Amino acid sequence: MPLILEIVTPEGRVLEKSADTVVLTTATGEMGILPHHAPVLTILKYGVIRVRQQGQEELFAVAGGLAEGQPEIITVLADAAENVRDIDIPRAQAAK
């Protein structure tokens, strides 16, 4: 049974999908979460969330926040998050 991953920002829900594996960039390093993982609460750094489902990988840029992992669901409360394929490079450089 796969995990359900939710990524939520102050602007709204960015993602809700099933995943075989989720890799988070935490304050202490990368953390991989598989189905039936022990409950965990962690602080996220600026970085990338890697979502793997059936051999495909999707990447999300995240600007800090928190992640709560339960055996069947991971909830990410991020300050900002965006699928990397949707990032507008000139807009990102202007915001920097």
PDB file of N, CA and C in Angstrom:
ATOM      1  N   MET A   1       0.836  -1.177   0.000  1.00  0.00           N
ATOM      2  CA  MET A   1       0.000   0.000   0.000  1.00  0.00           C
ATOM      3  C   MET A   1       0.884   1.243   0.000  1.00  0.00           C
ATOM      4  N   PRO A   2       0.713   2.148  -0.958  1.00  0.00           N
ATOM      5  CA  PRO A   2       1.577   3.333  -1.029  1.00  0.00           C
ATOM      6  C   PRO A   2       1.203   4.370   0.028  1.00  0.00           C
ATOM      7  N   LEU A   3       2.106   5.320   0.196  1.00  0.00           N
ATOM      8  CA  LEU A   3       1.869   6.473   1.055  1.00  0.00           C
ATOM      9  C   LEU A   3       0.989   7.488   0.347  1.00  0.00           C
ATOM     10  N   ILE A   4       0.357   8.336   1.093  1.00  0.00           N
ATOM     11  CA  ILE A   4      -0.293   9.515   0.540  1.00  0.00           C
ATOM     12  C   ILE A   4       0.566  10.699   0.969  1.00  0.00           C
ATOM     13  N   LEU A   5       0.966  11.527   0.015  1.00  0.00           N
ATOM     14  CA  LEU A   5       1.750  12.725   0.302  1.00  0.00           C
ATOM     15  C   LEU A   5       0.886  13.946   0.047  1.00  0.00           C
ATOM     16  N   GLU A   6       0.832  14.824   1.043  1.00  0.00           N
ATOM     17  CA  GLU A   6       0.157  16.113   0.900  1.00  0.00           C
ATOM     18  C   GLU A   6       1.199  17.204   1.108  1.00  0.00           C
ATOM     19  N   ILE A   7       1.264  18.163   0.177  1.00  0.00           N
ATOM     20  CA  ILE A   7       2.110  19.339   0.344  1.00  0.00           C
ATOM     21  C   ILE A   7       1.165  20.538   0.358  1.00  0.00           C
ATOM     22  N   VAL A   8       1.209  21.300   1.453  1.00  0.00           N
ATOM     23  CA  VAL A   8       0.315  22.437   1.644  1.00  0.00           C
ATOM     24  C   VAL A   8       1.145  23.672   1.956  1.00  0.00           C
ATOM     25  N   THR A   9       0.786  24.809   1.347  1.00  0.00           N
ATOM     26  CA  THR A   9       1.419  26.104   1.616  1.00  0.00           C
ATOM     27  C   THR A   9       0.339  27.066   2.103  1.00  0.00           C
ATOM     28  N   PRO A  10       0.712  28.256   2.544  1.00  0.00           N
ATOM     29  CA  PRO A  10      -0.309  29.234   2.932  1.00  0.00           C
ATOM     30  C   PRO A  10      -1.272  29.573   1.788  1.00  0.00           C
ATOM     31  N   GLU A  11      -0.838  29.407   0.543  1.00  0.00           N
ATOM     32  CA  GLU A  11      -1.692  29.689  -0.610  1.00  0.00           C
ATOM     33  C   GLU A  11      -2.661  28.550  -0.923  1.00  0.00           C
ATOM     34  N   GLY A  12      -2.413  27.364  -0.387  1.00  0.00           N
ATOM     35  CA  GLY A  12      -3.301  26.236  -0.644  1.00  0.00           C
ATOM     36  C   GLY A  12      -2.545  24.938  -0.873  1.00  0.00           C
ATOM     37  N   ARG A  13      -3.286  23.912  -1.276  1.00  0.00           N
ATOM     38  CA  ARG A  13      -2.711  22.579  -1.504  1.00  0.00           C
ATOM     39  C   ARG A  13      -1.941  22.569  -2.826  1.00  0.00           C
ATOM     40  N   VAL A  14      -0.681  22.157  -2.772  1.00  0.00           N
ATOM     41  CA  VAL A  14       0.178  22.057  -3.952  1.00  0.00           C
ATOM     42  C   VAL A  14       0.095  20.654  -4.543  1.00  0.00           C
ATOM     43  N   LEU A  15      -0.031  19.639  -3.683  1.00  0.00           N
ATOM     44  CA  LEU A  15      -0.001  18.259  -4.155  1.00  0.00           C
ATOM     45  C   LEU A  15      -0.732  17.361  -3.179  1.00  0.00           C
ATOM     46  N   GLU A  16      -1.416  16.370  -3.731  1.00  0.00           N
ATOM     47  CA  GLU A  16      -1.927  15.236  -2.962  1.00  0.00           C
ATOM     48  C   GLU A  16      -1.881  14.049  -3.902  1.00  0.00           C
ATOM     49  N   LYS A  17      -0.999  13.101  -3.613  1.00  0.00           N
ATOM     50  CA  LYS A  17      -0.864  11.925  -4.481  1.00  0.00           C
ATOM     51  C   LYS A  17      -0.260  10.779  -3.709  1.00  0.00           C
ATOM     52  N   SER A  18      -0.378   9.587  -4.267  1.00  0.00           N
ATOM     53  CA  SER A  18       0.238   8.419  -3.649  1.00  0.00           C
ATOM     54  C   SER A  18       1.689   8.336  -4.091  1.00  0.00           C
ATOM     55  N   ALA A  19       2.492   7.720  -3.246  1.00  0.00           N
ATOM     56  CA  ALA A  19       3.922   7.596  -3.525  1.00  0.00           C
ATOM     57  C   ALA A  19       4.451   6.312  -2.906  1.00  0.00           C
ATOM     58  N   ASP A  20       5.447   5.740  -3.562  1.00  0.00           N
ATOM     59  CA  ASP A  20       6.123   4.565  -3.007  1.00  0.00           C
ATOM     60  C   ASP A  20       7.186   4.986  -2.002  1.00  0.00           C
ATOM     61  N   THR A  21       7.857   6.118  -2.277  1.00  0.00           N
ATOM     62  CA  THR A  21       8.917   6.652  -1.439  1.00  0.00           C
ATOM     63  C   THR A  21       8.887   8.169  -1.495  1.00  0.00           C
ATOM     64  N   VAL A  22       9.156   8.810  -0.365  1.00  0.00           N
ATOM     65  CA  VAL A  22       9.291  10.260  -0.312  1.00  0.00           C
ATOM     66  C   VAL A  22      10.605  10.566   0.385  1.00  0.00           C
ATOM     67  N   VAL A  23      11.421  11.428  -0.227  1.00  0.00           N
ATOM     68  CA  VAL A  23      12.692  11.838   0.368  1.00  0.00           C
ATOM     69  C   VAL A  23      12.603  13.332   0.661  1.00  0.00           C
ATOM     70  N   LEU A  24      12.796  13.684   1.941  1.00  0.00           N
ATOM     71  CA  LEU A  24      12.693  15.061   2.405  1.00  0.00           C
ATOM     72  C   LEU A  24      14.071  15.611   2.733  1.00  0.00           C
ATOM     73  N   THR A  25      14.254  16.918   2.556  1.00  0.00           N
ATOM     74  CA  THR A  25      15.474  17.596   2.982  1.00  0.00           C
ATOM     75  C   THR A  25      15.188  18.227   4.340  1.00  0.00           C
ATOM     76  N   THR A  26      15.694  17.597   5.411  1.00  0.00           N
ATOM     77  CA  THR A  26      15.407  18.052   6.769  1.00  0.00           C
ATOM     78  C   THR A  26      16.588  18.853   7.326  1.00  0.00           C
ATOM     79  N   ALA A  27      16.393  19.407   8.511  1.00  0.00           N
ATOM     80  CA  ALA A  27      17.438  20.187   9.166  1.00  0.00           C
ATOM     81  C   ALA A  27      18.663  19.332   9.499  1.00  0.00           C
ATOM     82  N   THR A  28      18.489  18.015   9.571  1.00  0.00           N
ATOM     83  CA  THR A  28      19.607  17.132   9.918  1.00  0.00           C
ATOM     84  C   THR A  28      20.089  16.278   8.748  1.00  0.00           C
ATOM     85  N   GLY A  29      19.573  16.537   7.545  1.00  0.00           N
ATOM     86  CA  GLY A  29      19.972  15.773   6.365  1.00  0.00           C
ATOM     87  C   GLY A  29      18.762  15.221   5.645  1.00  0.00           C
ATOM     88  N   GLU A  30      19.006  14.368   4.662  1.00  0.00           N
ATOM     89  CA  GLU A  30      17.902  13.785   3.907  1.00  0.00           C
ATOM     90  C   GLU A  30      17.266  12.634   4.686  1.00  0.00           C
ATOM     91  N   MET A  31      15.932  12.541   4.568  1.00  0.00           N
ATOM     92  CA  MET A  31      15.195  11.481   5.237  1.00  0.00           C
ATOM     93  C   MET A  31      14.277  10.813   4.223  1.00  0.00           C
ATOM     94  N   GLY A  32      14.446   9.518   4.063  1.00  0.00           N
ATOM     95  CA  GLY A  32      13.571   8.753   3.186  1.00  0.00           C
ATOM     96  C   GLY A  32      12.443   8.130   3.988  1.00  0.00           C
ATOM     97  N   ILE A  33      11.240   8.220   3.454  1.00  0.00           N
ATOM     98  CA  ILE A  33      10.077   7.661   4.142  1.00  0.00           C
ATOM     99  C   ILE A  33       9.389   6.668   3.214  1.00  0.00           C
ATOM    100  N   LEU A  34       9.163   5.477   3.732  1.00  0.00           N
ATOM    101  CA  LEU A  34       8.483   4.401   3.026  1.00  0.00           C
ATOM    102  C   LEU A  34       7.140   4.144   3.703  1.00  0.00           C
ATOM    103  N   PRO A  35       6.248   3.410   3.043  1.00  0.00           N
ATOM    104  CA  PRO A  35       4.991   3.052   3.704  1.00  0.00           C
ATOM    105  C   PRO A  35       5.256   2.341   5.032  1.00  0.00           C
ATOM    106  N   HIS A  36       4.400   2.567   6.009  1.00  0.00           N
ATOM    107  CA  HIS A  36       4.466   1.977   7.348  1.00  0.00           C
ATOM    108  C   HIS A  36       5.635   2.505   8.172  1.00  0.00           C
ATOM    109  N   HIS A  37       6.138   3.689   7.835  1.00  0.00           N
ATOM    110  CA  HIS A  37       7.205   4.342   8.597  1.00  0.00           C
ATOM    111  C   HIS A  37       6.681   4.693   9.989  1.00  0.00           C
ATOM    112  N   ALA A  38       7.557   4.686  10.951  1.00  0.00           N
ATOM    113  CA  ALA A  38       7.179   5.118  12.297  1.00  0.00           C
ATOM    114  C   ALA A  38       6.799   6.596  12.263  1.00  0.00           C
ATOM    115  N   PRO A  39       5.892   7.025  13.115  1.00  0.00           N
ATOM    116  CA  PRO A  39       5.520   8.442  13.141  1.00  0.00           C
ATOM    117  C   PRO A  39       6.745   9.326  13.368  1.00  0.00           C
ATOM    118  N   VAL A  40       6.769  10.467  12.654  1.00  0.00           N
ATOM    119  CA  VAL A  40       7.908  11.376  12.757  1.00  0.00           C
ATOM    120  C   VAL A  40       7.433  12.796  12.492  1.00  0.00           C
ATOM    121  N   LEU A  41       8.067  13.750  13.145  1.00  0.00           N
ATOM    122  CA  LEU A  41       7.826  15.169  12.913  1.00  0.00           C
ATOM    123  C   LEU A  41       9.189  15.805  12.728  1.00  0.00           C
ATOM    124  N   THR A  42       9.382  16.554  11.638  1.00  0.00           N
ATOM    125  CA  THR A  42      10.699  17.111  11.348  1.00  0.00           C
ATOM    126  C   THR A  42      10.595  18.498  10.737  1.00  0.00           C
ATOM    127  N   ILE A  43      11.647  19.274  10.919  1.00  0.00           N
ATOM    128  CA  ILE A  43      11.755  20.600  10.312  1.00  0.00           C
ATOM    129  C   ILE A  43      12.406  20.437   8.943  1.00  0.00           C
ATOM    130  N   LEU A  44      11.844  21.121   7.935  1.00  0.00           N
ATOM    131  CA  LEU A  44      12.394  21.066   6.583  1.00  0.00           C
ATOM    132  C   LEU A  44      13.281  22.271   6.312  1.00  0.00           C
ATOM    133  N   LYS A  45      14.363  22.036   5.589  1.00  0.00           N
ATOM    134  CA  LYS A  45      15.222  23.110   5.102  1.00  0.00           C
ATOM    135  C   LYS A  45      14.782  23.474   3.695  1.00  0.00           C
ATOM    136  N   TYR A  46      15.310  24.584   3.193  1.00  0.00           N
ATOM    137  CA  TYR A  46      15.137  24.874   1.774  1.00  0.00           C
ATOM    138  C   TYR A  46      15.755  23.707   1.024  1.00  0.00           C
ATOM    139  N   GLY A  47      15.047  23.141   0.083  1.00  0.00           N
ATOM    140  CA  GLY A  47      15.577  21.999  -0.631  1.00  0.00           C
ATOM    141  C   GLY A  47      14.537  21.387  -1.543  1.00  0.00           C
ATOM    142  N   VAL A  48      14.705  20.093  -1.780  1.00  0.00           N
ATOM    143  CA  VAL A  48      13.863  19.378  -2.735  1.00  0.00           C
ATOM    144  C   VAL A  48      13.204  18.191  -2.043  1.00  0.00           C
ATOM    145  N   ILE A  49      11.943  17.984  -2.363  1.00  0.00           N
ATOM    146  CA  ILE A  49      11.241  16.762  -1.965  1.00  0.00           C
ATOM    147  C   ILE A  49      11.186  15.880  -3.198  1.00  0.00           C
ATOM    148  N   ARG A  50      11.694  14.644  -3.067  1.00  0.00           N
ATOM    149  CA  ARG A  50      11.653  13.688  -4.179  1.00  0.00           C
ATOM    150  C   ARG A  50      10.526  12.695  -3.916  1.00  0.00           C
ATOM    151  N   VAL A  51       9.627  12.601  -4.886  1.00  0.00           N
ATOM    152  CA  VAL A  51       8.461  11.718  -4.776  1.00  0.00           C
ATOM    153  C   VAL A  51       8.607  10.633  -5.833  1.00  0.00           C
ATOM    154  N   ARG A  52       8.696   9.388  -5.403  1.00  0.00           N
ATOM    155  CA  ARG A  52       8.838   8.275  -6.342  1.00  0.00           C
ATOM    156  C   ARG A  52       7.578   7.426  -6.319  1.00  0.00           C
ATOM    157  N   GLN A  53       7.082   7.159  -7.540  1.00  0.00           N
ATOM    158  CA  GLN A  53       5.886   6.325  -7.692  1.00  0.00           C
ATOM    159  C   GLN A  53       6.053   5.480  -8.938  1.00  0.00           C
ATOM    160  N   GLN A  54       6.087   4.170  -8.779  1.00  0.00           N
ATOM    161  CA  GLN A  54       6.187   3.211  -9.882  1.00  0.00           C
ATOM    162  C   GLN A  54       7.339   3.546 -10.834  1.00  0.00           C
ATOM    163  N   GLY A  55       8.515   3.802 -10.269  1.00  0.00           N
ATOM    164  CA  GLY A  55       9.715   4.048 -11.071  1.00  0.00           C
ATOM    165  C   GLY A  55       9.850   5.454 -11.617  1.00  0.00           C
ATOM    166  N   GLN A  56       8.863   6.298 -11.428  1.00  0.00           N
ATOM    167  CA  GLN A  56       8.910   7.693 -11.885  1.00  0.00           C
ATOM    168  C   GLN A  56       9.235   8.586 -10.686  1.00  0.00           C
ATOM    169  N   GLU A  57       9.994   9.652 -10.932  1.00  0.00           N
ATOM    170  CA  GLU A  57      10.347  10.575  -9.859  1.00  0.00           C
ATOM    171  C   GLU A  57       9.875  11.981 -10.206  1.00  0.00           C
ATOM    172  N   GLU A  58       9.273  12.644  -9.229  1.00  0.00           N
ATOM    173  CA  GLU A  58       8.810  14.019  -9.386  1.00  0.00           C
ATOM    174  C   GLU A  58       9.476  14.841  -8.284  1.00  0.00           C
ATOM    175  N   LEU A  59       9.947  16.041  -8.624  1.00  0.00           N
ATOM    176  CA  LEU A  59      10.682  16.875  -7.684  1.00  0.00           C
ATOM    177  C   LEU A  59       9.899  18.143  -7.367  1.00  0.00           C
ATOM    178  N   PHE A  60       9.928  18.529  -6.083  1.00  0.00           N
ATOM    179  CA  PHE A  60       9.274  19.748  -5.623  1.00  0.00           C
ATOM    180  C   PHE A  60      10.271  20.580  -4.837  1.00  0.00           C
ATOM    181  N   ALA A  61      10.436  21.831  -5.225  1.00  0.00           N
ATOM    182  CA  ALA A  61      11.262  22.766  -4.474  1.00  0.00           C
ATOM    183  C   ALA A  61      10.448  23.254  -3.289  1.00  0.00           C
ATOM    184  N   VAL A  62      11.071  23.258  -2.104  1.00  0.00           N
ATOM    185  CA  VAL A  62      10.370  23.642  -0.882  1.00  0.00           C
ATOM    186  C   VAL A  62      11.204  24.672  -0.137  1.00  0.00           C
ATOM    187  N   ALA A  63      10.528  25.721   0.326  1.00  0.00           N
ATOM    188  CA  ALA A  63      11.194  26.786   1.073  1.00  0.00           C
ATOM    189  C   ALA A  63      10.867  26.650   2.555  1.00  0.00           C
ATOM    190  N   GLY A  64      11.442  25.644   3.186  1.00  0.00           N
ATOM    191  CA  GLY A  64      11.266  25.445   4.617  1.00  0.00           C
ATOM    192  C   GLY A  64       9.873  24.993   5.007  1.00  0.00           C
ATOM    193  N   GLY A  65       9.726  24.664   6.287  1.00  0.00           N
ATOM    194  CA  GLY A  65       8.444  24.234   6.808  1.00  0.00           C
ATOM    195  C   GLY A  65       8.590  23.051   7.746  1.00  0.00           C
ATOM    196  N   LEU A  66       7.514  22.285   7.867  1.00  0.00           N
ATOM    197  CA  LEU A  66       7.457  21.103   8.730  1.00  0.00           C
ATOM    198  C   LEU A  66       6.905  19.923   7.947  1.00  0.00           C
ATOM    199  N   ALA A  67       7.277  18.739   8.366  1.00  0.00           N
ATOM    200  CA  ALA A  67       6.694  17.524   7.790  1.00  0.00           C
ATOM    201  C   ALA A  67       6.310  16.590   8.926  1.00  0.00           C
ATOM    202  N   GLU A  68       5.101  16.051   8.819  1.00  0.00           N
ATOM    203  CA  GLU A  68       4.628  15.051   9.767  1.00  0.00           C
ATOM    204  C   GLU A  68       4.418  13.759   8.996  1.00  0.00           C
ATOM    205  N   GLY A  69       5.084  12.711   9.427  1.00  0.00           N
ATOM    206  CA  GLY A  69       4.933  11.415   8.786  1.00  0.00           C
ATOM    207  C   GLY A  69       4.184  10.455   9.682  1.00  0.00           C
ATOM    208  N   GLN A  70       3.180   9.813   9.135  1.00  0.00           N
ATOM    209  CA  GLN A  70       2.429   8.754   9.800  1.00  0.00           C
ATOM    210  C   GLN A  70       2.616   7.497   8.943  1.00  0.00           C
ATOM    211  N   PRO A  71       2.226   6.342   9.418  1.00  0.00           N
ATOM    212  CA  PRO A  71       2.467   5.119   8.641  1.00  0.00           C
ATOM    213  C   PRO A  71       1.910   5.140   7.219  1.00  0.00           C
ATOM    214  N   GLU A  72       0.831   5.884   6.970  1.00  0.00           N
ATOM    215  CA  GLU A  72       0.227   5.859   5.635  1.00  0.00           C
ATOM    216  C   GLU A  72       0.067   7.223   4.990  1.00  0.00           C
ATOM    217  N   ILE A  73       0.482   8.310   5.677  1.00  0.00           N
ATOM    218  CA  ILE A  73       0.342   9.651   5.108  1.00  0.00           C
ATOM    219  C   ILE A  73       1.479  10.549   5.588  1.00  0.00           C
ATOM    220  N   ILE A  74       1.955  11.380   4.681  1.00  0.00           N
ATOM    221  CA  ILE A  74       2.948  12.394   5.012  1.00  0.00           C
ATOM    222  C   ILE A  74       2.322  13.738   4.682  1.00  0.00           C
ATOM    223  N   THR A  75       2.337  14.640   5.653  1.00  0.00           N
ATOM    224  CA  THR A  75       1.810  15.979   5.439  1.00  0.00           C
ATOM    225  C   THR A  75       2.959  16.959   5.559  1.00  0.00           C
ATOM    226  N   VAL A  76       3.177  17.736   4.498  1.00  0.00           N
ATOM    227  CA  VAL A  76       4.216  18.759   4.477  1.00  0.00           C
ATOM    228  C   VAL A  76       3.517  20.111   4.540  1.00  0.00           C
ATOM    229  N   LEU A  77       3.862  20.898   5.560  1.00  0.00           N
ATOM    230  CA  LEU A  77       3.385  22.262   5.685  1.00  0.00           C
ATOM    231  C   LEU A  77       4.574  23.152   5.350  1.00  0.00           C
ATOM    232  N   ALA A  78       4.588  23.681   4.133  1.00  0.00           N
ATOM    233  CA  ALA A  78       5.746  24.419   3.635  1.00  0.00           C
ATOM    234  C   ALA A  78       5.446  25.907   3.539  1.00  0.00           C
ATOM    235  N   ASP A  79       6.480  26.717   3.734  1.00  0.00           N
ATOM    236  CA  ASP A  79       6.342  28.156   3.545  1.00  0.00           C
ATOM    237  C   ASP A  79       6.040  28.454   2.076  1.00  0.00           C
ATOM    238  N   ALA A  80       6.674  27.714   1.184  1.00  0.00           N
ATOM    239  CA  ALA A  80       6.423  27.804  -0.261  1.00  0.00           C
ATOM    240  C   ALA A  80       6.852  26.482  -0.875  1.00  0.00           C
ATOM    241  N   ALA A  81       6.168  26.058  -1.934  1.00  0.00           N
ATOM    242  CA  ALA A  81       6.513  24.819  -2.629  1.00  0.00           C
ATOM    243  C   ALA A  81       6.036  24.905  -4.069  1.00  0.00           C
ATOM    244  N   GLU A  82       6.816  24.286  -4.961  1.00  0.00           N
ATOM    245  CA  GLU A  82       6.463  24.310  -6.374  1.00  0.00           C
ATOM    246  C   GLU A  82       7.129  23.130  -7.074  1.00  0.00           C
ATOM    247  N   ASN A  83       6.403  22.533  -8.000  1.00  0.00           N
ATOM    248  CA  ASN A  83       6.985  21.467  -8.814  1.00  0.00           C
ATOM    249  C   ASN A  83       8.137  22.076  -9.606  1.00  0.00           C
ATOM    250  N   VAL A  84       9.304  21.433  -9.619  1.00  0.00           N
ATOM    251  CA  VAL A  84      10.467  22.033 -10.284  1.00  0.00           C
ATOM    252  C   VAL A  84      10.242  22.242 -11.780  1.00  0.00           C
ATOM    253  N   ARG A  85       9.407  21.427 -12.404  1.00  0.00           N
ATOM    254  CA  ARG A  85       9.173  21.616 -13.835  1.00  0.00           C
ATOM    255  C   ARG A  85       8.340  22.871 -14.115  1.00  0.00           C
ATOM    256  N   ASP A  86       7.672  23.408 -13.068  1.00  0.00           N
ATOM    257  CA  ASP A  86       6.838  24.596 -13.227  1.00  0.00           C
ATOM    258  C   ASP A  86       7.548  25.895 -12.853  1.00  0.00           C
ATOM    259  N   ILE A  87       8.801  25.806 -12.412  1.00  0.00           N
ATOM    260  CA  ILE A  87       9.514  27.001 -11.965  1.00  0.00           C
ATOM    261  C   ILE A  87       9.847  27.874 -13.168  1.00  0.00           C
ATOM    262  N   ASP A  88       9.484  29.137 -13.061  1.00  0.00           N
ATOM    263  CA  ASP A  88       9.785  30.148 -14.071  1.00  0.00           C
ATOM    264  C   ASP A  88      11.126  30.777 -13.676  1.00  0.00           C
ATOM    265  N   ILE A  89      12.201  30.445 -14.398  1.00  0.00           N
ATOM    266  CA  ILE A  89      13.561  30.868 -14.035  1.00  0.00           C
ATOM    267  C   ILE A  89      13.682  32.393 -13.934  1.00  0.00           C
ATOM    268  N   PRO A  90      13.221  33.175 -14.930  1.00  0.00           N
ATOM    269  CA  PRO A  90      13.336  34.628 -14.781  1.00  0.00           C
ATOM    270  C   PRO A  90      12.583  35.171 -13.555  1.00  0.00           C
ATOM    271  N   ARG A  91      11.416  34.610 -13.261  1.00  0.00           N
ATOM    272  CA  ARG A  91      10.661  35.042 -12.078  1.00  0.00           C
ATOM    273  C   ARG A  91      11.430  34.707 -10.799  1.00  0.00           C
ATOM    274  N   ALA A  92      12.015  33.514 -10.753  1.00  0.00           N
ATOM    275  CA  ALA A  92      12.782  33.089  -9.568  1.00  0.00           C
ATOM    276  C   ALA A  92      14.016  33.965  -9.375  1.00  0.00           C
ATOM    277  N   GLN A  93      14.696  34.293 -10.473  1.00  0.00           N
ATOM    278  CA  GLN A  93      15.880  35.157 -10.353  1.00  0.00           C
ATOM    279  C   GLN A  93      15.490  36.550  -9.897  1.00  0.00           C
ATOM    280  N   ALA A  94      14.375  37.073 -10.379  1.00  0.00           N
ATOM    281  CA  ALA A  94      13.909  38.397  -9.964  1.00  0.00           C
ATOM    282  C   ALA A  94      13.534  38.395  -8.480  1.00  0.00           C
ATOM    283  N   ALA A  95      12.935  37.301  -8.007  1.00  0.00           N
ATOM    284  CA  ALA A  95      12.548  37.198  -6.600  1.00  0.00           C
ATOM    285  C   ALA A  95      13.750  37.059  -5.689  1.00  0.00           C
ATOM    286  N   LYS A  96      14.838  36.517  -6.211  1.00  0.00           N
ATOM    287  CA  LYS A  96      16.052  36.313  -5.412  1.00  0.00           C
ATOM    288  C   LYS A  96      16.616  37.635  -5.004  1.00  0.00           C
TER     289      LYS A  96
END
